[in-house]
Amino acid sequence: MCRSIRTLRPPVTPEVGDDDITAAALQYVRKVSGFRSPAAHNREAFDRAVAEVAEATRRLLGDLEVRGSGASRTGGAAGS
């Protein structure tokens, strides 16, 4: 669906920053909404969706257990 969104979990991407998470969330919301840049009357909803998707992504990355890689995200994702 969103080919430009990178995989953010280890070991594929060992260091994930807040910018990486926000960029992925923005790409997702752009794809789903069909807007690259929303009109002023949609800006608040668009920005809120980006923030909510980014937060869900942080939680997901923080909760994932990647077995056999030696990488663990217990205690929260990077950038939190």
C-alpha atoms as a PDB file:
ATOM      1  CA  MET A   1       0.000   0.000   0.000  1.00  0.00           C
ATOM      2  CA  CYS A   2       2.548   2.620   1.090  1.00  0.00           C
ATOM      3  CA  ARG A   3       5.752   1.608  -0.597  1.00  0.00           C
ATOM      4  CA  SER A   4       7.702   4.597   0.674  1.00  0.00           C
ATOM      5  CA  ILE A   5       7.147   3.704   4.332  1.00  0.00           C
ATOM      6  CA  ARG A   6      10.254   1.992   5.706  1.00  0.00           C
ATOM      7  CA  THR A   7      10.235  -0.909   8.131  1.00  0.00           C
ATOM      8  CA  LEU A   8      11.066   0.601  11.519  1.00  0.00           C
ATOM      9  CA  ARG A   9      11.595  -2.462  13.693  1.00  0.00           C
ATOM     10  CA  PRO A  10      14.973  -3.962  14.568  1.00  0.00           C
ATOM     11  CA  PRO A  11      17.065  -5.483  13.172  1.00  0.00           C
ATOM     12  CA  VAL A  12      15.844  -4.035   9.855  1.00  0.00           C
ATOM     13  CA  THR A  13      16.259  -0.495  11.211  1.00  0.00           C
ATOM     14  CA  PRO A  14      18.346  -0.597  14.399  1.00  0.00           C
ATOM     15  CA  GLU A  15      18.068   3.106  15.282  1.00  0.00           C
ATOM     16  CA  VAL A  16      14.616   4.631  14.970  1.00  0.00           C
ATOM     17  CA  GLY A  17      14.098   8.260  15.829  1.00  0.00           C
ATOM     18  CA  ASP A  18      11.018  10.380  16.282  1.00  0.00           C
ATOM     19  CA  ASP A  19      11.538  11.846  12.793  1.00  0.00           C
ATOM     20  CA  ASP A  20      11.373   8.337  11.271  1.00  0.00           C
ATOM     21  CA  ILE A  21       8.111   7.581  13.080  1.00  0.00           C
ATOM     22  CA  THR A  22       6.536  10.911  12.147  1.00  0.00           C
ATOM     23  CA  ALA A  23       7.582  10.528   8.490  1.00  0.00           C
ATOM     24  CA  ALA A  24       5.982   7.079   8.320  1.00  0.00           C
ATOM     25  CA  ALA A  25       2.794   8.391   9.953  1.00  0.00           C
ATOM     26  CA  LEU A  26       2.650  11.296   7.494  1.00  0.00           C
ATOM     27  CA  GLN A  27       3.047   8.971   4.507  1.00  0.00           C
ATOM     28  CA  TYR A  28       0.280   6.729   5.833  1.00  0.00           C
ATOM     29  CA  VAL A  29      -2.161   9.608   6.401  1.00  0.00           C
ATOM     30  CA  ARG A  30      -1.359  11.062   2.977  1.00  0.00           C
ATOM     31  CA  LYS A  31      -2.084   7.728   1.333  1.00  0.00           C
ATOM     32  CA  VAL A  32      -5.307   7.063   3.233  1.00  0.00           C
ATOM     33  CA  SER A  33      -6.676  10.602   2.876  1.00  0.00           C
ATOM     34  CA  GLY A  34      -5.574  11.116  -0.711  1.00  0.00           C
ATOM     35  CA  PHE A  35      -4.142  14.530   0.208  1.00  0.00           C
ATOM     36  CA  ARG A  36      -0.464  15.402   0.019  1.00  0.00           C
ATOM     37  CA  SER A  37      -1.235  18.674   1.735  1.00  0.00           C
ATOM     38  CA  PRO A  38      -4.790  19.222   2.974  1.00  0.00           C
ATOM     39  CA  ALA A  39      -6.809  22.376   2.538  1.00  0.00           C
ATOM     40  CA  ALA A  40      -6.950  24.733   5.514  1.00  0.00           C
ATOM     41  CA  HIS A  41     -10.368  23.425   6.583  1.00  0.00           C
ATOM     42  CA  ASN A  42      -8.936  19.871   6.813  1.00  0.00           C
ATOM     43  CA  ARG A  43      -5.548  20.747   8.351  1.00  0.00           C
ATOM     44  CA  GLU A  44      -6.526  20.115  11.986  1.00  0.00           C
ATOM     45  CA  ALA A  45      -7.973  16.663  11.255  1.00  0.00           C
ATOM     46  CA  PHE A  46      -4.974  15.776   9.060  1.00  0.00           C
ATOM     47  CA  ASP A  47      -2.404  16.869  11.664  1.00  0.00           C
ATOM     48  CA  ARG A  48      -4.289  15.106  14.457  1.00  0.00           C
ATOM     49  CA  ALA A  49      -4.344  11.886  12.418  1.00  0.00           C
ATOM     50  CA  VAL A  50      -0.585  12.114  11.826  1.00  0.00           C
ATOM     51  CA  ALA A  51       0.023  12.580  15.565  1.00  0.00           C
ATOM     52  CA  GLU A  52      -2.276   9.676  16.484  1.00  0.00           C
ATOM     53  CA  VAL A  53      -0.726   7.311  13.937  1.00  0.00           C
ATOM     54  CA  ALA A  54       2.759   8.312  15.130  1.00  0.00           C
ATOM     55  CA  GLU A  55       1.785   7.586  18.747  1.00  0.00           C
ATOM     56  CA  ALA A  56       0.289   4.210  17.797  1.00  0.00           C
ATOM     57  CA  THR A  57       3.519   3.429  15.937  1.00  0.00           C
ATOM     58  CA  ARG A  58       5.616   4.312  18.996  1.00  0.00           C
ATOM     59  CA  ARG A  59       3.479   2.008  21.142  1.00  0.00           C
ATOM     60  CA  LEU A  60       3.703  -0.790  18.591  1.00  0.00           C
ATOM     61  CA  LEU A  61       7.486  -0.548  18.318  1.00  0.00           C
ATOM     62  CA  GLY A  62       7.783  -0.358  22.087  1.00  0.00           C
ATOM     63  CA  ASP A  63       5.687  -3.490  22.556  1.00  0.00           C
ATOM     64  CA  LEU A  64       7.209  -5.665  19.833  1.00  0.00           C
ATOM     65  CA  GLU A  65       9.412  -8.535  20.881  1.00  0.00           C
ATOM     66  CA  VAL A  66      11.846  -9.459  18.127  1.00  0.00           C
ATOM     67  CA  ARG A  67      13.154 -12.920  18.944  1.00  0.00           C
ATOM     68  CA  GLY A  68      16.574 -14.095  17.883  1.00  0.00           C
ATOM     69  CA  SER A  69      17.849 -10.675  16.898  1.00  0.00           C
ATOM     70  CA  GLY A  70      19.354  -9.625  20.219  1.00  0.00           C
ATOM     71  CA  ALA A  71      17.316  -6.427  19.935  1.00  0.00           C
ATOM     72  CA  SER A  72      14.695  -5.544  22.481  1.00  0.00           C
ATOM     73  CA  ARG A  73      12.469  -2.510  22.732  1.00  0.00           C
ATOM     74  CA  THR A  74      11.190  -3.105  26.247  1.00  0.00           C
ATOM     75  CA  GLY A  75      10.630   0.134  28.058  1.00  0.00           C
ATOM     76  CA  GLY A  76       9.412   2.077  25.039  1.00  0.00           C
ATOM     77  CA  ALA A  77      10.482   3.009  21.546  1.00  0.00           C
ATOM     78  CA  ALA A  78      13.289   5.360  20.738  1.00  0.00           C
ATOM     79  CA  GLY A  79      12.324   8.983  20.617  1.00  0.00           C
ATOM     80  CA  SER A  80       9.708   8.641  23.346  1.00  0.00           C
END
